[in-house]
Protein backbone atom coordinates (compact mmCIF):
# COMPACT_ATOMS: atom_id res chain seq x y z
CA UNK A 1 -112.16 -24.98 -18.37
CA UNK A 2 -113.11 -26.60 -21.69
CA UNK A 3 -116.42 -28.41 -21.97
CA UNK A 4 -114.67 -31.78 -22.32
CA UNK A 5 -112.61 -31.16 -19.17
CA UNK A 6 -115.76 -30.04 -17.36
CA UNK A 7 -117.61 -33.20 -18.37
CA UNK A 8 -114.66 -35.44 -17.44
CA UNK A 9 -114.10 -33.88 -14.02
CA UNK A 10 -117.78 -33.84 -13.08
CA UNK A 11 -119.13 -36.89 -14.91
CA UNK A 12 -120.25 -38.67 -11.74
CA UNK A 13 -122.48 -35.84 -10.50
CA UNK A 14 -123.75 -34.77 -13.90
CA UNK A 15 -124.73 -38.37 -14.67
CA UNK A 16 -126.71 -38.58 -11.43
CA UNK A 17 -128.62 -35.47 -12.45
CA UNK A 18 -129.31 -36.90 -15.91
CA UNK A 19 -130.50 -40.18 -14.42
CA UNK A 20 -133.03 -38.44 -12.19
CA UNK A 21 -134.34 -36.19 -14.94
CA UNK A 22 -134.64 -39.15 -17.34
CA UNK A 23 -136.56 -41.30 -14.87
CA UNK A 24 -138.83 -38.37 -13.99
CA UNK A 25 -140.36 -39.04 -17.44
CA UNK A 26 -142.74 -41.60 -15.93
CA UNK A 27 -144.46 -38.78 -14.07
CA UNK A 28 -144.32 -36.27 -16.92
CA UNK A 29 -147.33 -35.39 -19.03
CA UNK A 30 -145.68 -36.36 -22.31
CA UNK A 31 -145.42 -39.94 -21.01
CA UNK A 32 -148.73 -40.26 -19.18
CA UNK A 33 -150.64 -38.74 -22.12
CA UNK A 34 -149.60 -41.45 -24.59
CA UNK A 35 -151.96 -43.73 -22.65
CA UNK A 36 -154.80 -41.17 -22.68
CA UNK A 37 -156.88 -43.01 -25.28
CA UNK A 38 -156.62 -46.34 -23.46
CA UNK A 39 -157.37 -44.76 -20.06
CA UNK A 40 -160.45 -42.92 -21.34
CA UNK A 41 -161.70 -46.05 -23.11
CA UNK A 42 -161.18 -48.42 -20.18
CA UNK A 43 -162.72 -46.10 -17.59
CA UNK A 44 -165.32 -44.58 -19.95
CA UNK A 45 -164.45 -40.91 -19.31
CA UNK A 46 -164.56 -37.88 -21.62
CA UNK A 47 -161.78 -35.44 -22.52
CA UNK A 48 -163.07 -32.99 -19.92
CA UNK A 49 -163.38 -35.65 -17.21
CA UNK A 50 -159.87 -36.94 -17.90
CA UNK A 51 -158.55 -33.37 -17.84
CA UNK A 52 -160.37 -32.75 -14.56
CA UNK A 53 -158.99 -35.92 -12.98
CA UNK A 54 -155.50 -34.93 -14.12
CA UNK A 55 -155.97 -31.43 -12.73
CA UNK A 56 -157.08 -32.70 -9.31
CA UNK A 57 -154.17 -35.12 -8.94
CA UNK A 58 -151.63 -32.61 -10.21
CA UNK A 59 -152.93 -29.78 -8.02
CA UNK A 60 -152.65 -32.01 -4.97
CA UNK A 61 -149.06 -32.83 -5.89
CA UNK A 62 -148.31 -29.10 -6.23
CA UNK A 63 -149.63 -28.47 -2.72
CA UNK A 64 -147.50 -31.24 -1.22
CA UNK A 65 -144.45 -30.06 -3.18
CA UNK A 66 -144.38 -26.77 -1.23
CA UNK A 67 -143.53 -28.76 1.89
CA UNK A 68 -141.71 -31.78 0.48
CA UNK A 69 -139.41 -29.74 -1.74
CA UNK A 70 -137.77 -28.29 1.34
CA UNK A 71 -136.41 -31.75 2.11
CA UNK A 72 -133.72 -31.06 -0.51
CA UNK A 73 -132.26 -28.49 1.90
CA UNK A 74 -131.78 -31.17 4.57
CA UNK A 75 -131.08 -34.53 2.89
CA UNK A 76 -128.41 -35.61 0.46
CA UNK A 77 -129.32 -36.44 -3.12
CA UNK A 78 -128.08 -40.00 -2.64
CA UNK A 79 -130.61 -40.76 0.09
CA UNK A 80 -133.59 -38.66 -0.97
CA UNK A 81 -133.24 -39.56 -4.64
CA UNK A 82 -133.24 -43.30 -3.94
CA UNK A 83 -136.39 -43.04 -1.82
CA UNK A 84 -138.19 -41.02 -4.48
CA UNK A 85 -137.28 -43.51 -7.23
CA UNK A 86 -138.72 -46.37 -5.19
CA UNK A 87 -141.89 -44.33 -4.66
CA UNK A 88 -142.03 -43.56 -8.39
CA UNK A 89 -141.85 -47.29 -9.16
CA UNK A 90 -144.75 -47.84 -6.76
CA UNK A 91 -146.75 -45.13 -8.53
CA UNK A 92 -146.18 -46.85 -11.90
CA UNK A 93 -147.42 -50.14 -10.44
CA UNK A 94 -150.45 -48.31 -9.02
CA UNK A 95 -151.36 -47.17 -12.55
CA UNK A 96 -150.81 -50.69 -13.90
CA UNK A 97 -153.04 -52.34 -11.30
CA UNK A 98 -155.71 -49.68 -10.69
CA UNK A 99 -159.16 -51.22 -11.33
CA UNK A 100 -161.50 -48.20 -10.89
CA UNK A 101 -161.82 -44.67 -12.27
CA UNK A 102 -162.25 -42.98 -8.88
CA UNK A 103 -158.69 -43.91 -7.88
CA UNK A 104 -157.25 -42.17 -10.95
CA UNK A 105 -156.77 -38.80 -9.15
CA UNK A 106 -154.66 -40.58 -6.51
CA UNK A 107 -152.71 -42.42 -9.21
CA UNK A 108 -152.00 -39.14 -11.00
CA UNK A 109 -151.00 -37.51 -7.71
CA UNK A 110 -148.46 -40.25 -7.01
CA UNK A 111 -146.97 -40.13 -10.51
CA UNK A 112 -146.80 -36.33 -10.68
CA UNK A 113 -145.42 -35.88 -7.17
CA UNK A 114 -142.66 -38.45 -7.44
CA UNK A 115 -141.84 -38.00 -11.13
CA UNK A 116 -142.41 -34.49 -12.41
CA UNK A 117 -142.17 -33.05 -8.91
CA UNK A 118 -139.51 -34.53 -6.66
CA UNK A 119 -137.25 -36.43 -9.09
CA UNK A 120 -136.91 -33.29 -11.23
CA UNK A 121 -136.51 -30.96 -8.27
CA UNK A 122 -133.79 -33.04 -6.61
CA UNK A 123 -131.72 -33.04 -9.82
CA UNK A 124 -132.10 -29.32 -10.56
CA UNK A 125 -131.46 -28.15 -7.01
CA UNK A 126 -128.35 -30.35 -6.86
CA UNK A 127 -126.94 -28.83 -10.05
CA UNK A 128 -127.66 -25.29 -8.87
CA UNK A 129 -126.00 -26.01 -5.52
CA UNK A 130 -123.02 -28.04 -6.64
CA UNK A 131 -121.97 -25.64 -9.40
CA UNK A 132 -121.62 -21.86 -9.26
CA UNK A 133 -119.48 -20.40 -12.05
CA UNK A 134 -120.51 -23.28 -14.33
CA UNK A 135 -124.13 -23.51 -13.20
CA UNK A 136 -125.45 -23.02 -16.72
CA UNK A 137 -123.34 -25.85 -18.13
CA UNK A 138 -124.32 -28.18 -15.29
CA UNK A 139 -128.03 -27.51 -15.71
CA UNK A 140 -127.77 -27.97 -19.47
CA UNK A 141 -126.07 -31.35 -19.11
CA UNK A 142 -128.30 -32.65 -16.32
CA UNK A 143 -131.50 -31.68 -18.11
CA UNK A 144 -130.46 -33.74 -21.11
CA UNK A 145 -132.24 -36.50 -19.20
CA UNK A 146 -135.55 -34.71 -19.84
CA UNK A 147 -134.73 -34.50 -23.53
CA UNK A 148 -133.67 -38.13 -23.76
CA UNK A 149 -136.83 -39.30 -22.03
CA UNK A 150 -139.08 -37.21 -24.23
CA UNK A 151 -137.28 -38.28 -27.41
CA UNK A 152 -137.12 -42.01 -26.70
CA UNK A 153 -139.91 -43.09 -24.36
CA UNK A 154 -143.02 -41.92 -26.29
CA UNK A 155 -141.80 -43.55 -29.51
CA UNK A 156 -140.84 -46.78 -27.77
CA UNK A 157 -143.98 -47.10 -25.67
CA UNK A 158 -146.38 -46.12 -28.47
CA UNK A 159 -144.76 -48.81 -30.62
CA UNK A 160 -144.94 -51.36 -27.79
CA UNK A 161 -148.65 -50.64 -27.27
CA UNK A 162 -149.27 -52.29 -30.63
CA UNK A 163 -147.95 -55.52 -29.12
CA UNK A 164 -148.49 -55.37 -25.35
CA UNK A 165 -151.31 -54.29 -23.08
CA UNK A 166 -150.87 -50.74 -21.78
CA UNK A 167 -151.01 -51.88 -18.16
CA UNK A 168 -148.10 -54.24 -18.73
CA UNK A 169 -146.07 -51.32 -20.06
CA UNK A 170 -146.63 -49.42 -16.82
CA UNK A 171 -145.20 -52.43 -15.02
CA UNK A 172 -142.13 -52.15 -17.25
CA UNK A 173 -141.82 -48.48 -16.28
CA UNK A 174 -141.82 -49.50 -12.61
CA UNK A 175 -138.94 -51.92 -13.24
CA UNK A 176 -136.92 -49.20 -14.98
CA UNK A 177 -137.46 -46.79 -12.08
CA UNK A 178 -136.28 -49.39 -9.54
CA UNK A 179 -133.20 -50.16 -11.66
CA UNK A 180 -132.23 -46.51 -11.30
CA UNK A 181 -131.72 -46.82 -7.54
CA UNK A 182 -128.46 -48.86 -7.50
CA UNK A 183 -127.11 -46.73 -10.37
CA UNK A 184 -127.79 -43.53 -8.43
CA UNK A 185 -126.18 -44.94 -5.28
CA UNK A 186 -123.11 -45.98 -7.25
CA UNK A 187 -122.74 -42.58 -8.95
CA UNK A 188 -123.09 -40.71 -5.65
CA UNK A 189 -120.97 -43.06 -3.56
CA UNK A 190 -118.87 -39.93 -3.06
CA UNK A 191 -121.35 -37.06 -3.10
CA UNK A 192 -120.10 -33.64 -4.09
CA UNK A 193 -119.77 -31.05 -1.30
CA UNK A 194 -122.42 -28.41 -2.06
CA UNK A 195 -120.67 -25.15 -2.88
CA UNK A 196 -123.72 -23.20 -1.79
CA UNK A 197 -123.16 -24.27 1.80
CA UNK A 198 -119.86 -22.46 1.92
CA UNK A 199 -119.65 -18.75 2.66
CA UNK A 200 -118.83 -17.87 -0.94
CA UNK A 201 -120.23 -14.54 -2.07
CA UNK A 202 -120.88 -16.12 -5.47
CA UNK A 203 -123.92 -17.91 -4.07
CA UNK A 204 -125.63 -14.82 -2.65
CA UNK A 205 -128.72 -13.25 -4.19
CA UNK A 206 -130.04 -9.70 -4.41
CA UNK A 207 -128.54 -7.23 -1.93
CA UNK A 208 -125.85 -9.84 -1.11
CA UNK A 209 -128.36 -11.92 0.90
CA UNK A 210 -129.54 -15.51 1.10
CA UNK A 211 -133.31 -15.09 0.77
CA UNK A 212 -135.65 -17.45 2.61
CA UNK A 213 -138.76 -18.94 1.05
CA UNK A 214 -141.06 -16.57 2.96
CA UNK A 215 -139.01 -13.53 1.98
CA UNK A 216 -139.05 -14.65 -1.66
CA UNK A 217 -142.80 -15.23 -1.54
CA UNK A 218 -143.36 -11.67 -0.30
CA UNK A 219 -141.03 -10.07 -2.83
CA UNK A 220 -142.72 -8.43 -5.87
CA UNK A 221 -140.29 -10.07 -8.30
CA UNK A 222 -141.68 -13.51 -7.45
CA UNK A 223 -145.15 -12.38 -8.46
CA UNK A 224 -143.89 -10.78 -11.67
CA UNK A 225 -142.50 -14.24 -12.52
CA UNK A 226 -145.66 -16.23 -11.68
CA UNK A 227 -147.28 -15.89 -15.16
CA UNK A 228 -144.02 -17.10 -16.74
CA UNK A 229 -143.86 -20.02 -14.30
CA UNK A 230 -147.42 -21.03 -15.11
CA UNK A 231 -147.32 -20.60 -18.89
CA UNK A 232 -144.96 -23.27 -20.27
CA UNK A 233 -146.11 -25.75 -17.67
CA UNK A 234 -149.82 -25.12 -18.27
CA UNK A 235 -149.92 -24.94 -22.03
CA UNK A 236 -146.88 -27.02 -22.92
CA UNK A 237 -148.46 -29.72 -20.78
CA UNK A 238 -151.88 -29.16 -22.40
CA UNK A 239 -150.36 -29.55 -25.85
CA UNK A 240 -148.85 -32.95 -25.09
CA UNK A 241 -151.79 -33.98 -22.91
CA UNK A 242 -154.19 -33.64 -25.85
CA UNK A 243 -151.76 -34.99 -28.44
CA UNK A 244 -154.11 -37.80 -29.50
CA UNK A 245 -156.98 -35.34 -30.02
CA UNK A 246 -154.71 -32.80 -31.73
CA UNK A 247 -153.43 -35.42 -34.17
CA UNK A 248 -157.01 -36.32 -35.07
CA UNK A 249 -157.90 -32.64 -35.62
CA UNK A 250 -154.93 -32.27 -37.96
CA UNK A 251 -155.92 -35.52 -39.73
CA UNK A 252 -152.73 -37.29 -38.70
CA UNK A 253 -152.18 -40.60 -36.97
CA UNK A 254 -150.84 -40.54 -33.43
CA UNK A 255 -147.64 -42.23 -34.57
CA UNK A 256 -147.11 -39.55 -37.25
CA UNK A 257 -147.33 -36.85 -34.61
CA UNK A 258 -145.06 -38.68 -32.17
CA UNK A 259 -142.54 -39.16 -34.98
CA UNK A 260 -141.97 -35.38 -34.88
CA UNK A 261 -140.89 -35.51 -31.25
CA UNK A 262 -137.23 -36.36 -31.99
CA UNK A 263 -136.94 -33.18 -34.11
CA UNK A 264 -138.52 -31.22 -31.25
CA UNK A 265 -136.10 -32.80 -28.79
CA UNK A 266 -133.08 -32.14 -31.00
CA UNK A 267 -133.91 -28.43 -31.29
CA UNK A 268 -134.69 -28.33 -27.56
CA UNK A 269 -131.29 -29.80 -26.71
CA UNK A 270 -129.55 -27.20 -28.86
CA UNK A 271 -131.59 -24.41 -27.24
CA UNK A 272 -130.87 -25.84 -23.79
CA UNK A 273 -127.11 -26.04 -24.36
CA UNK A 274 -126.94 -22.57 -25.91
CA UNK A 275 -129.00 -21.03 -23.12
CA UNK A 276 -126.75 -22.65 -20.50
CA UNK A 277 -123.66 -21.35 -22.28
CA UNK A 278 -125.19 -17.88 -22.62
CA UNK A 279 -126.31 -17.50 -19.01
CA UNK A 280 -122.80 -18.30 -17.77
CA UNK A 281 -121.45 -15.46 -19.93
CA UNK A 282 -124.28 -12.94 -20.25
CA UNK A 283 -126.28 -13.48 -17.07
CA UNK A 284 -129.76 -14.82 -16.44
CA UNK A 285 -131.26 -11.37 -15.95
CA UNK A 286 -130.40 -10.34 -19.52
CA UNK A 287 -131.87 -13.48 -21.09
CA UNK A 288 -134.90 -14.54 -19.12
CA UNK A 289 -137.35 -11.73 -20.06
CA UNK A 290 -137.35 -12.84 -23.71
CA UNK A 291 -137.24 -16.62 -23.66
CA UNK A 292 -141.01 -17.23 -23.90
CA UNK A 293 -141.55 -15.22 -27.10
CA UNK A 294 -141.07 -18.34 -29.28
CA UNK A 295 -144.12 -19.81 -27.54
CA UNK A 296 -146.22 -17.07 -29.13
CA UNK A 297 -145.04 -18.15 -32.58
CA UNK A 298 -145.41 -21.86 -31.69
CA UNK A 299 -149.08 -21.76 -30.73
CA UNK A 300 -150.06 -19.48 -33.60
CA UNK A 301 -148.35 -21.92 -35.94
CA UNK A 302 -150.07 -24.94 -34.36
CA UNK A 303 -153.43 -23.18 -34.67
CA UNK A 304 -153.06 -22.73 -38.43
CA UNK A 305 -150.77 -25.64 -39.35
CA UNK A 306 -152.10 -27.61 -42.31
CA UNK A 307 -149.06 -29.58 -43.40
CA UNK A 308 -146.20 -31.66 -42.04
CA UNK A 309 -143.71 -28.83 -42.60
CA UNK A 310 -145.77 -26.22 -40.73
CA UNK A 311 -146.23 -28.66 -37.86
CA UNK A 312 -142.45 -29.04 -37.69
CA UNK A 313 -142.13 -25.25 -37.64
CA UNK A 314 -144.46 -25.15 -34.64
CA UNK A 315 -142.34 -27.77 -32.88
CA UNK A 316 -139.23 -25.71 -33.69
CA UNK A 317 -140.57 -22.64 -31.88
CA UNK A 318 -141.95 -24.74 -29.02
CA UNK A 319 -138.54 -26.35 -28.56
CA UNK A 320 -136.72 -23.00 -28.33
CA UNK A 321 -138.61 -22.06 -25.18
CA UNK A 322 -138.76 -25.61 -23.81
CA UNK A 323 -134.98 -25.94 -24.06
CA UNK A 324 -134.29 -22.59 -22.43
CA UNK A 325 -136.92 -23.36 -19.79
CA UNK A 326 -134.69 -26.19 -18.55
CA UNK A 327 -131.88 -23.80 -17.58
CA UNK A 328 -132.92 -20.15 -17.28
CA UNK A 329 -135.63 -20.35 -14.56
CA UNK A 330 -133.50 -22.68 -12.43
CA UNK A 331 -130.52 -20.33 -12.64
CA UNK A 332 -132.82 -17.34 -12.03
CA UNK A 333 -133.71 -18.38 -8.48
CA UNK A 334 -130.07 -18.95 -7.55
CA UNK A 335 -128.93 -15.67 -9.12
CA UNK A 336 -131.62 -13.44 -7.60
CA UNK A 337 -132.33 -15.15 -4.27
CA UNK A 338 -129.16 -17.09 -3.36
CA UNK A 339 -128.63 -20.79 -2.79
CA UNK A 340 -128.72 -21.39 0.96
CA UNK A 341 -132.51 -21.94 0.91
CA UNK A 342 -132.68 -22.84 -2.77
CA UNK A 343 -134.51 -26.13 -2.21
CA UNK A 344 -137.41 -24.43 -0.43
CA UNK A 345 -137.54 -21.58 -2.95
CA UNK A 346 -137.40 -23.93 -5.92
CA UNK A 347 -140.07 -26.10 -4.34
CA UNK A 348 -142.38 -23.08 -4.16
CA UNK A 349 -141.66 -22.22 -7.79
CA UNK A 350 -142.05 -25.88 -8.77
CA UNK A 351 -145.43 -25.97 -7.01
CA UNK A 352 -146.57 -23.06 -9.18
CA UNK A 353 -145.38 -24.87 -12.30
CA UNK A 354 -147.03 -28.12 -11.23
CA UNK A 355 -150.23 -26.15 -10.57
CA UNK A 356 -149.92 -24.81 -14.10
CA UNK A 357 -149.65 -28.33 -15.44
CA UNK A 358 -152.93 -29.07 -13.65
CA UNK A 359 -154.71 -25.96 -14.92
CA UNK A 360 -153.70 -26.32 -18.58
CA UNK A 361 -155.14 -29.78 -19.34
CA UNK A 362 -158.20 -29.02 -17.21
CA UNK A 363 -159.07 -25.78 -19.01
CA UNK A 364 -158.35 -27.06 -22.49
CA UNK A 365 -160.19 -30.34 -21.87
CA UNK A 366 -163.25 -28.43 -20.64
CA UNK A 367 -162.99 -26.17 -23.68
CA UNK A 368 -163.03 -29.20 -26.00
CA UNK A 369 -166.12 -30.60 -24.23
CA UNK A 370 -167.84 -27.20 -24.56
CA UNK A 371 -167.12 -27.02 -28.27
CA UNK A 372 -164.23 -24.54 -28.22
CA UNK A 373 -161.79 -25.99 -30.75
CA UNK A 374 -158.22 -26.65 -29.68
CA UNK A 375 -156.96 -24.47 -32.56
CA UNK A 376 -158.99 -21.50 -31.33
CA UNK A 377 -157.74 -22.10 -27.80
CA UNK A 378 -154.13 -21.99 -29.03
CA UNK A 379 -154.61 -18.44 -30.33
CA UNK A 380 -155.59 -17.35 -26.81
CA UNK A 381 -152.59 -19.23 -25.45
CA UNK A 382 -150.32 -17.14 -27.72
CA UNK A 383 -151.80 -13.96 -26.25
CA UNK A 384 -151.11 -15.28 -22.75
CA UNK A 385 -147.41 -15.66 -23.53
CA UNK A 386 -147.25 -12.05 -24.72
CA UNK A 387 -148.61 -11.05 -21.31
CA UNK A 388 -146.11 -13.28 -19.46
CA UNK A 389 -143.23 -11.76 -21.42
CA UNK A 390 -144.30 -8.22 -20.55
CA UNK A 391 -144.50 -9.14 -16.85
CA UNK A 392 -140.96 -10.58 -16.90
CA UNK A 393 -139.59 -7.55 -18.72
CA UNK A 394 -141.05 -5.17 -16.15
CA UNK A 395 -140.10 -7.23 -13.09
CA UNK A 396 -136.53 -8.07 -14.04
CA UNK A 397 -135.83 -4.52 -15.27
CA UNK A 398 -136.98 -3.15 -11.92
CA UNK A 399 -134.92 -5.44 -9.68
CA UNK A 400 -131.79 -6.46 -11.60
CA UNK A 401 -130.03 -3.30 -10.36
CA UNK A 402 -130.06 -4.66 -6.80
CA UNK A 403 -128.17 -7.82 -7.71
CA UNK A 404 -125.00 -8.24 -5.69
């Protein structure tokens, strides 16, 4: 099937996935962090305190995700997705109307759980379930919503902050989230029959089994993958979380830094599409051990960058892993552990990633408060990704022979 025929025949379901991933932006770090300066100024909190608040709220959302993610195994995307979008709109209004600093952890919890957590999970589990032979293509197309949100929303909202109060902009985000509900219901008026619920051998995992969440949790391969699950989430999140501070360190304006995001998104989209194409033909197990190596180059480059061109080079390397991270890990769980309990398994993996997104800003924010420069921290981050790559290489090499 050609890509155009694939898009035409599956436009309804792919568009629903893109809608959910796009609207998840309101709970993603790259969106929340553009208001970091205003939030710290209004509530009189330091970098470390803001990082700690973010870590508490995000960690709580990770804990709840372990349970709530399993709902994707029992409810249709049409119903569960609509409920989550309404909850996301409520979380945006909560941020807009919150009057006190001590409610910020709860605000962050609501945004992270509904946005980064559930809206993303529902879309990715649906793509992995609904498509088998073309899973890579489906994930690549659906995750374009992430790319679109990251390319458009920071630029638009940073520009609007020059005109409108930041709280009013959060109210606008709530309206956009609510507008997504009727669109989702229309797209999924006829919801696709999940292929993973058939008895097709194509949806089985290692040893021709459908692994449960508990079995996956006890399997050594899961633990070999944990550093790789934590890494991009922790330190990719930390990078965007401290974007205002990082721009100041590099003697750039915030707008100048944000202006590089479209280049980052463009490269990420290319990496995402190519990784989706490659995993359909080569297999996830041959690709996934290597996909975080560009992060090593990215953070070393960011540490030493002293010009616009070197900053763009750092974004180039960052985008290679970020793009592949949208497809390869999601296909990994389906390929190695099957799809019957994919929602519960993905929820567990998503909880680890959400935990990482709590740890990263917290650690780096504390480091800034203690006088450890962000550039020095990025050199240690590069070393971490070398370790994560070694763990994936060892784990996948050991267990890929027992694939069905």
